[in-house]
Amino acid sequence: MIASTPTPPYYAVIFTSTRTGNDKGYSEVAEHMLTLAAEQDGFLGVESARQDLGITVSYWRDEASIRAWKENAEHAVAREKGRKFWYDAFKVRVAKVERDYGFERKP
């Protein structure tokens, strides 16, 4: 689903990853992280896709919101589990969204 975001500017955190073959506990933690992120002040939405390469883009009001999410204790534990068990590699990019536009077919 395409996230509904406000009028720019706002921020995008782009998390790109490749996974190990170990899926034990991954789905539960990933689901919990999405729920927890959505509860954070400044969270605007998320979009995610995975095949061989996973890409998750979360949208945030400002850089302070992004820093607060990074400092969240449960998120820190999940990141360490990811490094240890679930990811072969990942990259995080933070970008300021200055404009957006789109199309939606109406039924």
Protein backbone atom coordinates (compact mmCIF):
# COMPACT_ATOMS: atom_id res chain seq x y z
CA MET A 1 0.00 0.00 0.00
CA ILE A 2 1.20 3.52 -0.76
CA ALA A 3 1.67 5.63 2.36
CA SER A 4 -0.39 8.77 2.70
CA THR A 5 2.04 11.59 3.48
CA PRO A 6 1.56 15.29 4.16
CA THR A 7 2.58 18.15 1.94
CA PRO A 8 6.41 18.29 1.83
CA PRO A 9 8.85 18.86 3.28
CA TYR A 10 9.19 15.72 5.38
CA TYR A 11 11.82 12.98 5.65
CA ALA A 12 12.25 9.47 4.31
CA VAL A 13 14.38 6.76 5.90
CA ILE A 14 15.24 4.16 3.26
CA PHE A 15 16.28 0.78 4.65
CA THR A 16 17.64 -1.58 2.00
CA SER A 17 18.68 -5.11 2.94
CA THR A 18 19.65 -8.59 1.90
CA ARG A 19 18.71 -11.41 4.23
CA THR A 20 20.37 -14.53 5.58
CA GLY A 21 18.43 -17.77 5.36
CA ASN A 22 17.56 -17.52 9.07
CA ASP A 23 13.92 -16.48 9.50
CA LYS A 24 13.52 -17.58 13.13
CA GLY A 25 11.69 -14.80 14.95
CA TYR A 26 12.06 -12.30 12.10
CA SER A 27 8.38 -11.86 11.20
CA GLU A 28 7.32 -11.27 14.79
CA VAL A 29 10.05 -8.68 15.41
CA ALA A 30 9.44 -6.94 12.06
CA GLU A 31 5.70 -6.70 12.77
CA HIS A 32 6.37 -5.36 16.27
CA MET A 33 8.81 -2.75 14.90
CA LEU A 34 6.17 -1.51 12.44
CA THR A 35 3.62 -1.22 15.23
CA LEU A 36 6.11 0.50 17.54
CA ALA A 37 7.29 2.92 14.82
CA ALA A 38 3.68 3.90 14.09
CA GLU A 39 3.30 4.91 17.75
CA GLN A 40 6.30 7.27 17.63
CA ASP A 41 5.79 11.02 17.53
CA GLY A 42 6.55 12.25 14.02
CA PHE A 43 5.90 8.95 12.22
CA LEU A 44 3.99 9.52 8.96
CA GLY A 45 3.84 6.14 7.25
CA VAL A 46 5.73 3.22 5.76
CA GLU A 47 6.06 1.29 2.49
CA SER A 48 7.86 -2.02 2.08
CA ALA A 49 8.69 -4.57 -0.61
CA ARG A 50 10.87 -7.69 -0.63
CA GLN A 51 12.13 -10.19 -3.11
CA ASP A 52 15.87 -10.83 -3.19
CA LEU A 53 16.40 -7.24 -2.05
CA GLY A 54 14.22 -5.72 0.66
CA ILE A 55 13.36 -2.04 0.69
CA THR A 56 11.42 -0.35 3.47
CA VAL A 57 10.81 3.39 3.37
CA SER A 58 9.50 5.04 6.50
CA TYR A 59 8.36 8.66 6.47
CA TRP A 60 8.94 11.11 9.31
CA ARG A 61 8.00 14.69 10.15
CA ASP A 62 11.56 15.80 10.95
CA GLU A 63 15.08 14.68 11.78
CA ALA A 64 14.41 14.80 15.53
CA SER A 65 11.68 12.16 15.07
CA ILE A 66 14.12 9.96 13.15
CA ARG A 67 16.77 10.29 15.87
CA ALA A 68 14.23 9.45 18.58
CA TRP A 69 13.22 6.30 16.68
CA LYS A 70 16.86 5.28 16.27
CA GLU A 71 17.38 5.74 20.02
CA ASN A 72 14.29 3.69 20.95
CA ALA A 73 15.52 0.83 23.17
CA GLU A 74 13.39 -1.89 21.55
CA HIS A 75 14.45 -0.74 18.10
CA ALA A 76 18.11 -0.92 19.18
CA VAL A 77 17.64 -4.54 20.32
CA ALA A 78 15.96 -5.43 17.02
CA ARG A 79 18.84 -3.84 15.05
CA GLU A 80 21.35 -5.98 16.94
CA LYS A 81 19.32 -9.14 16.27
CA GLY A 82 19.20 -8.14 12.62
CA ARG A 83 22.99 -7.84 12.44
CA LYS A 84 23.47 -11.11 14.28
CA PHE A 85 20.80 -13.31 12.66
CA TRP A 86 18.74 -11.90 9.80
CA TYR A 87 20.78 -9.63 7.51
CA ASP A 88 23.74 -10.31 5.28
CA ALA A 89 23.89 -6.58 4.55
CA PHE A 90 21.85 -3.44 4.96
CA LYS A 91 22.09 0.26 4.23
CA VAL A 92 20.14 3.14 5.76
CA ARG A 93 19.68 6.38 3.87
CA VAL A 94 17.95 9.49 5.19
CA ALA A 95 16.54 11.95 2.68
CA LYS A 96 14.51 15.14 2.80
CA VAL A 97 11.44 14.93 0.58
CA GLU A 98 10.99 18.31 -1.03
CA ARG A 99 8.18 17.45 -3.44
CA ASP A 100 5.90 14.56 -4.20
CA TYR A 101 3.14 13.87 -6.67
CA GLY A 102 1.16 10.87 -7.79
CA PHE A 103 -1.81 9.27 -9.48
CA GLU A 104 -4.64 7.19 -8.12
CA ARG A 105 -7.26 5.48 -10.26
CA LYS A 106 -10.72 6.06 -8.82
CA PRO A 107 -13.22 3.19 -9.05
